[in-house]
Amino acid sequence: MMKRLRQYLDKVKPHFEDGGRLHAFRSVFDGFESFLFVPRDTAQTGSNIHSGIDSKRIMSMVVIALIPAMLFGMYNVGYQNYLLAGTLSETPFWEVFLYGFLAVLPMILVSYIVGLGIEFIVAQCKHEEIQEGYLVSGIIIPLIIPVNCPLWMLALAVAFAVIFAKEIFGGTGMNIFNVALVARVFLFFSYPTKMTGGGDVWIANETIFGFGNNLPDVMSQATPLGEIGQGATSITPSLQECIVGLIPGCVGETSVIAIAIGALFLLWMKVASWRTMLSVFVGGILMALLFNALGKSPLQWYEHIVLGGFCFGAVFMATDPVTSARTQTGQYIYGFLIGVVAIAVRVLNPGYPEGMMLAILLMNLFAPLIDHCVVARNISRRMKRVKK
């Protein structure tokens, strides 16, 4: 099958080369070809190390790692709907999942259609190859927003993020801020009522193709962190429910188990930095323990870790190779500060109980400075050795 596809692409490729009748769409053809097959282009001069793993393959691995969180999130969307409607016990598993699948699928489609559409247009205008960075951002964005976010808002946020957080900096590999988080920030500050609130935000409440139940007019299903932000002294769900993920929240952020499966896959494939990932948790735990000792936080340290987007951010966004620190020592510092800032924002700002988004974006800004300081310190140490 793949051999025949390769032969077909080789046959039609001359039409997309310079002088061919479809040469105006060369960037589109190159994008699909490099997505399906490892590029054959090699450097003509200098010494180079060749590898079969290019950036598209790395992005594809991240997408695969996100699948457990995405699938569980789809089930949880249906679970929360039927639970609040009081019909969960009499509804089969497949129907619960299918309802969530049908609710989340349009969000994923809108994210990719708008984001990749802009990528195609920019590549055509610049006569360059279509870049692959949005493969990951396109799946992350629907997973970090509430399920009831209107699709037109999602499309607007995606367009803003791709244009102003990516293309304006030069495209993939040049952006200084995480594209998915910029989309979430845009929604949070532009349409705050659609990003925070009760069950009307976190619980899908429409019948989809005959699936789903009519929910009560008044829904009080706030997220656990939302309850704390409203003045509660403890969370309603049990620790086990928080780890499993059967709680209200963004589509892909609720299940610690699903996120852990993705984390293990990324570490096994050596795609994500374990230094960054580990140091985020260390920084978060130490900061949470400090606030517990000072009596400032109603949550225990382990509750801070399993709630909200802490685990999801630590695994899939703090480890973004483009916007995070690149030196080994810098990765420890970068991740540690993300964990510290995330818990500090949660505890010290009752109006914004989820601090992971702001923490990562803030450290995105300081990542180059952290790397610069680490490199400068190493150079200084080596110069001292030379003088000795």
Protein backbone atom coordinates (compact mmCIF):
# COMPACT_ATOMS: atom_id res chain seq x y z
CA MET A 1 0.00 0.00 0.00
CA MET A 2 2.67 2.52 1.06
CA LYS A 3 4.89 1.43 -1.86
CA ARG A 4 2.10 2.17 -4.35
CA LEU A 5 1.45 5.51 -2.67
CA ARG A 6 5.16 6.34 -2.95
CA GLN A 7 5.11 5.46 -6.65
CA TYR A 8 2.04 7.61 -7.25
CA LEU A 9 3.60 10.61 -5.50
CA ASP A 10 6.79 10.21 -7.56
CA LYS A 11 4.64 10.11 -10.71
CA VAL A 12 2.71 13.33 -10.00
CA LYS A 13 5.56 15.23 -8.33
CA PRO A 14 6.92 16.77 -11.59
CA HIS A 15 3.60 18.61 -11.98
CA PHE A 16 4.32 20.49 -8.72
CA GLU A 17 7.97 21.33 -9.54
CA ASP A 18 9.06 24.61 -11.13
CA GLY A 19 7.62 24.73 -14.63
CA GLY A 20 4.89 22.21 -13.87
CA ARG A 21 1.24 23.11 -14.36
CA LEU A 22 0.59 22.85 -10.62
CA HIS A 23 3.80 24.53 -9.44
CA ALA A 24 1.79 27.14 -7.50
CA PHE A 25 0.76 24.38 -5.08
CA ARG A 26 4.24 22.99 -4.52
CA SER A 27 4.22 23.86 -0.80
CA VAL A 28 0.94 21.94 -0.34
CA PHE A 29 2.34 18.86 -2.09
CA ASP A 30 5.58 19.02 -0.08
CA GLY A 31 3.56 19.22 3.13
CA PHE A 32 1.55 16.07 2.38
CA GLU A 33 4.58 14.19 1.04
CA SER A 34 6.77 14.92 4.06
CA PHE A 35 3.88 14.00 6.37
CA LEU A 36 3.52 10.57 4.76
CA PHE A 37 7.20 9.80 4.12
CA VAL A 38 10.59 10.79 5.52
CA PRO A 39 12.02 13.50 3.22
CA ARG A 40 14.68 12.33 0.76
CA ASP A 41 16.45 15.69 0.63
CA THR A 42 19.98 15.66 2.07
CA ALA A 43 22.58 18.33 2.67
CA GLN A 44 25.07 18.73 -0.19
CA THR A 45 27.99 20.18 1.79
CA GLY A 46 29.55 19.86 5.23
CA SER A 47 29.40 17.09 7.79
CA ASN A 48 25.88 16.14 8.87
CA ILE A 49 24.32 13.52 11.08
CA HIS A 50 21.32 11.98 9.34
CA SER A 51 18.31 10.56 11.16
CA GLY A 52 15.02 9.04 10.06
CA ILE A 53 13.23 11.00 12.78
CA ASP A 54 12.34 14.48 11.63
CA SER A 55 10.21 17.11 13.33
CA LYS A 56 7.00 15.78 11.78
CA ARG A 57 7.64 12.35 13.29
CA ILE A 58 8.31 13.92 16.69
CA MET A 59 5.06 15.89 16.44
CA SER A 60 3.21 12.71 15.47
CA MET A 61 4.52 10.96 18.58
CA VAL A 62 3.21 13.77 20.77
CA VAL A 63 -0.19 13.46 19.11
CA ILE A 64 -0.16 9.71 19.83
CA ALA A 65 0.74 10.44 23.47
CA LEU A 66 -2.29 12.75 23.70
CA ILE A 67 -4.73 10.07 22.52
CA PRO A 68 -5.37 8.51 25.99
CA ALA A 69 -6.22 11.91 27.50
CA MET A 70 -8.40 12.75 24.50
CA LEU A 71 -10.34 9.47 24.56
CA PHE A 72 -10.89 9.64 28.31
CA GLY A 73 -11.95 13.26 27.99
CA MET A 74 -14.57 12.26 25.43
CA TYR A 75 -15.94 9.64 27.79
CA ASN A 76 -15.92 12.09 30.70
CA VAL A 77 -17.94 14.62 28.69
CA GLY A 78 -20.67 12.02 28.25
CA TYR A 79 -20.26 10.81 31.83
CA GLN A 80 -20.83 14.28 33.29
CA ASN A 81 -23.85 14.84 31.07
CA TYR A 82 -25.63 11.62 31.99
CA LEU A 83 -24.57 11.90 35.64
CA LEU A 84 -26.16 15.32 36.03
CA ALA A 85 -29.25 14.18 34.13
CA GLY A 86 -29.61 11.24 36.54
CA THR A 87 -29.56 8.57 33.84
CA LEU A 88 -25.95 7.37 34.03
CA SER A 89 -26.69 4.00 35.63
CA GLU A 90 -29.10 3.03 32.84
CA THR A 91 -26.93 4.25 29.95
CA PRO A 92 -24.48 1.81 28.28
CA PHE A 93 -20.78 2.66 28.08
CA TRP A 94 -20.71 3.03 24.30
CA GLU A 95 -23.55 5.58 24.35
CA VAL A 96 -21.81 7.65 27.04
CA PHE A 97 -18.58 7.66 25.03
CA LEU A 98 -20.32 8.33 21.72
CA TYR A 99 -22.06 11.39 23.16
CA GLY A 100 -18.70 12.80 24.31
CA PHE A 101 -17.08 11.88 20.99
CA LEU A 102 -19.74 13.77 19.03
CA ALA A 103 -19.39 16.77 21.37
CA VAL A 104 -15.57 16.99 21.13
CA LEU A 105 -15.07 16.02 17.47
CA PRO A 106 -16.35 19.37 16.06
CA MET A 107 -13.90 21.21 18.32
CA ILE A 108 -10.98 19.17 16.94
CA LEU A 109 -12.15 19.65 13.35
CA VAL A 110 -12.52 23.43 13.75
CA SER A 111 -9.10 23.67 15.38
CA TYR A 112 -7.35 21.81 12.56
CA ILE A 113 -9.33 23.34 9.69
CA VAL A 114 -8.69 26.91 10.84
CA GLY A 115 -5.10 26.38 12.01
CA LEU A 116 -3.92 24.31 9.05
CA GLY A 117 -5.83 26.55 6.67
CA ILE A 118 -3.81 29.52 7.87
CA GLU A 119 -0.61 27.45 7.65
CA PHE A 120 -1.42 26.57 4.01
CA ILE A 121 -2.17 30.19 3.10
CA VAL A 122 1.04 31.47 4.71
CA ALA A 123 3.13 28.75 3.04
CA GLN A 124 1.63 29.59 -0.34
CA CYS A 125 2.26 33.31 0.09
CA LYS A 126 5.86 32.75 1.21
CA HIS A 127 6.50 29.92 -1.31
CA GLU A 128 7.76 27.72 1.50
CA GLU A 129 7.08 24.21 2.75
CA ILE A 130 4.05 23.81 5.00
CA GLN A 131 5.30 23.68 8.57
CA GLU A 132 4.38 20.91 10.95
CA GLY A 133 4.17 22.64 14.31
CA TYR A 134 0.38 22.91 14.34
CA LEU A 135 -0.03 19.12 14.35
CA VAL A 136 0.35 19.20 18.14
CA SER A 137 -1.23 22.58 18.87
CA GLY A 138 -4.28 21.58 16.83
CA ILE A 139 -5.11 18.70 19.17
CA ILE A 140 -4.04 20.39 22.41
CA ILE A 141 -6.24 23.48 22.00
CA PRO A 142 -9.58 21.56 22.09
CA LEU A 143 -8.33 19.59 25.10
CA ILE A 144 -7.61 22.65 27.28
CA ILE A 145 -10.87 24.55 26.85
CA PRO A 146 -14.39 23.83 28.21
CA VAL A 147 -16.56 21.57 26.09
CA ASN A 148 -19.28 24.20 25.74
CA CYS A 149 -17.01 26.84 24.23
CA PRO A 150 -18.80 28.05 21.05
CA LEU A 151 -17.08 26.89 17.89
CA TRP A 152 -16.85 30.40 16.46
CA MET A 153 -14.94 31.50 19.58
CA LEU A 154 -12.62 28.53 19.18
CA ALA A 155 -12.00 29.41 15.54
CA LEU A 156 -11.25 33.02 16.47
CA ALA A 157 -8.83 31.94 19.22
CA VAL A 158 -7.03 29.50 16.89
CA ALA A 159 -6.63 32.16 14.20
CA PHE A 160 -5.31 34.67 16.73
CA ALA A 161 -2.83 32.18 18.20
CA VAL A 162 -1.49 30.92 14.86
CA ILE A 163 -1.07 34.41 13.40
CA PHE A 164 0.15 36.40 16.39
CA ALA A 165 1.93 33.73 18.43
CA LYS A 166 3.52 31.78 15.59
CA GLU A 167 3.55 33.15 12.05
CA ILE A 168 4.41 36.69 13.09
CA PHE A 169 7.60 35.31 14.71
CA GLY A 170 8.59 33.36 11.60
CA GLY A 171 6.69 30.08 11.93
CA THR A 172 7.48 26.75 13.55
CA GLY A 173 10.57 26.81 15.72
CA MET A 174 10.63 30.60 15.98
CA ASN A 175 7.72 31.28 18.34
CA ILE A 176 8.55 32.25 21.91
CA PHE A 177 5.13 31.45 23.41
CA ASN A 178 3.25 28.16 23.41
CA VAL A 179 0.63 28.50 20.65
CA ALA A 180 -2.04 26.42 22.39
CA LEU A 181 -1.74 28.43 25.59
CA VAL A 182 -2.00 31.70 23.69
CA ALA A 183 -5.32 30.47 22.27
CA ARG A 184 -6.53 29.68 25.79
CA VAL A 185 -5.35 33.06 27.10
CA PHE A 186 -7.19 34.80 24.27
CA LEU A 187 -10.43 33.04 25.22
CA PHE A 188 -9.91 33.57 28.94
CA PHE A 189 -9.49 37.32 28.71
CA SER A 190 -11.83 37.95 25.77
CA TYR A 191 -14.72 35.71 26.83
CA PRO A 192 -14.21 34.93 30.54
CA THR A 193 -17.81 33.76 31.09
CA LYS A 194 -17.23 30.96 28.56
CA MET A 195 -14.02 29.82 30.27
CA THR A 196 -15.08 29.81 33.92
CA GLY A 197 -18.32 29.16 35.74
CA GLY A 198 -20.66 26.34 36.60
CA GLY A 199 -22.15 23.40 34.74
CA ASP A 200 -23.24 25.49 31.77
CA VAL A 201 -19.53 25.82 30.91
CA TRP A 202 -18.12 22.41 31.83
CA ILE A 203 -21.07 20.11 31.08
CA ALA A 204 -22.28 19.49 27.53
CA ASN A 205 -26.02 20.09 27.75
CA GLU A 206 -27.37 19.52 24.26
CA THR A 207 -28.84 16.48 22.57
CA ILE A 208 -26.48 15.41 19.77
CA PHE A 209 -27.89 13.18 17.02
CA GLY A 210 -30.36 11.75 19.49
CA PHE A 211 -27.76 11.15 22.21
CA GLY A 212 -27.74 12.93 25.56
CA ASN A 213 -30.33 14.00 28.09
CA ASN A 214 -32.10 17.21 28.94
CA LEU A 215 -30.30 18.65 31.94
CA PRO A 216 -31.82 20.63 34.80
CA ASP A 217 -32.21 24.37 34.21
CA VAL A 218 -29.91 25.08 37.17
CA MET A 219 -26.53 23.35 37.07
CA SER A 220 -23.96 23.75 39.85
CA GLN A 221 -21.16 21.53 38.56
CA ALA A 222 -18.12 23.73 39.14
CA THR A 223 -14.64 22.27 38.89
CA PRO A 224 -12.90 21.36 42.19
CA LEU A 225 -10.49 24.30 41.80
CA GLY A 226 -13.46 26.50 41.00
CA GLU A 227 -15.06 25.49 44.30
CA ILE A 228 -11.90 26.50 46.13
CA GLY A 229 -11.85 29.81 44.28
CA GLN A 230 -15.41 30.44 45.45
CA GLY A 231 -14.38 30.02 49.08
CA ALA A 232 -14.82 26.30 49.74
CA THR A 233 -12.48 24.80 52.33
CA SER A 234 -12.31 21.36 50.71
CA ILE A 235 -13.00 19.72 47.35
CA THR A 236 -16.18 17.73 46.67
CA PRO A 237 -14.80 14.75 44.67
CA SER A 238 -12.59 12.18 46.34
CA LEU A 239 -8.86 11.92 45.61
CA GLN A 240 -9.54 8.71 43.67
CA GLU A 241 -12.07 10.48 41.43
CA CYS A 242 -9.58 13.27 40.81
CA ILE A 243 -6.86 10.80 39.79
CA VAL A 244 -9.19 8.80 37.55
CA GLY A 245 -10.60 12.01 36.12
CA LEU A 246 -14.38 11.63 36.41
CA ILE A 247 -14.82 15.26 37.41
CA PRO A 248 -15.88 18.45 35.61
CA GLY A 249 -13.08 20.21 33.77
CA CYS A 250 -11.45 20.82 30.41
CA VAL A 251 -11.69 17.90 28.00
CA GLY A 252 -8.17 16.51 28.30
CA GLU A 253 -6.99 17.75 31.69
CA THR A 254 -9.00 15.69 34.18
CA SER A 255 -7.46 12.19 34.13
CA VAL A 256 -4.06 11.87 35.80
CA ILE A 257 -3.87 8.24 34.71
CA ALA A 258 -4.42 9.04 31.02
CA ILE A 259 -1.88 11.87 31.19
CA ALA A 260 0.63 9.54 32.90
CA ILE A 261 0.28 7.03 30.05
CA GLY A 262 1.09 9.78 27.59
CA ALA A 263 4.03 10.91 29.72
CA LEU A 264 5.51 7.39 29.81
CA PHE A 265 5.19 7.14 26.03
CA LEU A 266 6.95 10.48 25.50
CA LEU A 267 9.76 9.52 27.86
CA TRP A 268 10.11 6.07 26.30
CA MET A 269 10.38 7.61 22.84
CA LYS A 270 12.77 10.27 24.23
CA VAL A 271 10.63 13.05 22.80
CA ALA A 272 10.01 15.06 25.99
CA SER A 273 12.57 16.22 28.55
CA TRP A 274 12.31 14.28 31.80
CA ARG A 275 14.30 17.04 33.50
CA THR A 276 11.65 19.65 32.73
CA MET A 277 8.79 17.31 33.56
CA LEU A 278 10.26 16.19 36.88
CA SER A 279 11.27 19.67 38.00
CA VAL A 280 7.75 21.03 37.38
CA PHE A 281 6.38 18.50 39.86
CA VAL A 282 9.20 19.12 42.35
CA GLY A 283 8.64 22.88 42.24
CA GLY A 284 4.87 22.49 42.57
CA ILE A 285 5.08 20.05 45.47
CA LEU A 286 7.61 22.13 47.42
CA MET A 287 5.56 25.31 46.94
CA ALA A 288 2.37 23.53 47.99
CA LEU A 289 4.09 22.15 51.10
CA LEU A 290 5.28 25.66 51.96
CA PHE A 291 1.76 27.10 51.71
CA ASN A 292 0.41 24.19 53.78
CA ALA A 293 3.00 24.92 56.48
CA LEU A 294 1.98 28.58 56.46
CA GLY A 295 -1.72 27.67 56.60
CA LYS A 296 -2.46 29.57 53.37
CA SER A 297 -3.90 26.75 51.24
CA PRO A 298 -7.05 24.67 51.89
CA LEU A 299 -5.67 21.95 49.61
CA GLN A 300 -3.05 19.35 50.44
CA TRP A 301 0.04 19.24 48.22
CA TYR A 302 -1.10 16.09 46.42
CA GLU A 303 -4.49 17.67 45.67
CA HIS A 304 -2.75 20.59 43.96
CA ILE A 305 -0.90 18.15 41.73
CA VAL A 306 -3.89 16.06 40.60
CA LEU A 307 -6.32 18.94 40.09
CA GLY A 308 -6.75 21.33 37.18
CA GLY A 309 -4.24 21.44 34.37
CA PHE A 310 -1.11 20.89 36.47
CA CYS A 311 -0.28 17.39 35.19
CA PHE A 312 -1.34 18.13 31.63
CA GLY A 313 0.73 21.31 31.54
CA ALA A 314 3.78 19.62 33.05
CA VAL A 315 3.72 16.75 30.55
CA PHE A 316 2.55 18.25 27.26
CA MET A 317 3.18 22.02 27.38
CA ALA A 318 6.07 22.74 29.71
CA THR A 319 8.14 20.24 27.69
CA ASP A 320 7.50 21.97 24.36
CA PRO A 321 11.01 21.92 22.81
CA VAL A 322 10.51 25.24 21.01
CA THR A 323 9.39 27.43 23.90
CA SER A 324 11.14 25.74 26.85
CA ALA A 325 14.74 25.89 28.03
CA ARG A 326 17.18 23.84 25.97
CA THR A 327 20.22 23.47 28.21
CA GLN A 328 20.08 20.60 30.69
CA THR A 329 20.62 22.81 33.74
CA GLY A 330 18.21 25.35 32.30
CA GLN A 331 15.49 22.70 32.01
CA TYR A 332 15.72 22.02 35.76
CA ILE A 333 15.41 25.74 36.56
CA TYR A 334 12.69 26.35 33.96
CA GLY A 335 10.49 23.47 35.13
CA PHE A 336 11.00 24.22 38.82
CA LEU A 337 9.91 27.84 38.39
CA ILE A 338 6.80 26.76 36.45
CA GLY A 339 5.71 24.55 39.35
CA VAL A 340 6.41 27.29 41.90
CA VAL A 341 4.57 30.02 39.99
CA ALA A 342 1.58 27.78 39.18
CA ILE A 343 0.90 26.97 42.84
CA ALA A 344 1.61 30.55 43.94
CA VAL A 345 -1.00 31.91 41.51
CA ARG A 346 -3.54 29.33 42.65
CA VAL A 347 -3.15 30.10 46.33
CA LEU A 348 -2.57 33.85 46.27
CA ASN A 349 -5.20 34.74 43.66
CA PRO A 350 -8.64 33.39 44.70
CA GLY A 351 -10.17 34.83 41.52
CA TYR A 352 -7.95 32.64 39.36
CA PRO A 353 -7.53 29.21 40.98
CA GLU A 354 -5.85 27.65 37.91
CA GLY A 355 -2.32 29.04 37.54
CA MET A 356 -0.61 26.59 35.19
CA MET A 357 -1.39 28.52 32.03
CA LEU A 358 0.09 31.79 33.26
CA ALA A 359 3.08 30.02 34.82
CA ILE A 360 4.11 28.34 31.56
CA LEU A 361 3.61 31.49 29.48
CA LEU A 362 5.66 33.51 31.95
CA MET A 363 8.50 31.00 31.86
CA ASN A 364 8.30 30.87 28.05
CA LEU A 365 9.34 34.51 28.21
CA PHE A 366 12.28 33.78 30.51
CA ALA A 367 13.47 30.51 28.92
CA PRO A 368 16.03 32.21 26.59
CA LEU A 369 17.39 34.21 29.53
CA ILE A 370 17.74 31.06 31.62
CA ASP A 371 19.66 29.32 28.84
CA HIS A 372 21.85 32.41 28.33
CA CYS A 373 22.77 32.52 32.01
CA VAL A 374 23.56 28.80 32.08
CA VAL A 375 25.77 29.02 28.98
CA ALA A 376 27.51 32.18 30.25
CA ARG A 377 28.22 30.51 33.58
CA ASN A 378 29.68 27.44 31.85
CA ILE A 379 31.90 29.64 29.66
CA SER A 380 33.09 31.58 32.71
CA ARG A 381 33.94 28.39 34.58
CA ARG A 382 35.91 27.00 31.65
CA MET A 383 37.79 30.26 31.20
CA LYS A 384 38.86 30.07 34.84
CA ARG A 385 40.15 26.54 34.24
CA VAL A 386 42.14 27.72 31.22
CA LYS A 387 43.74 30.51 33.24
CA LYS A 388 44.73 28.05 35.95
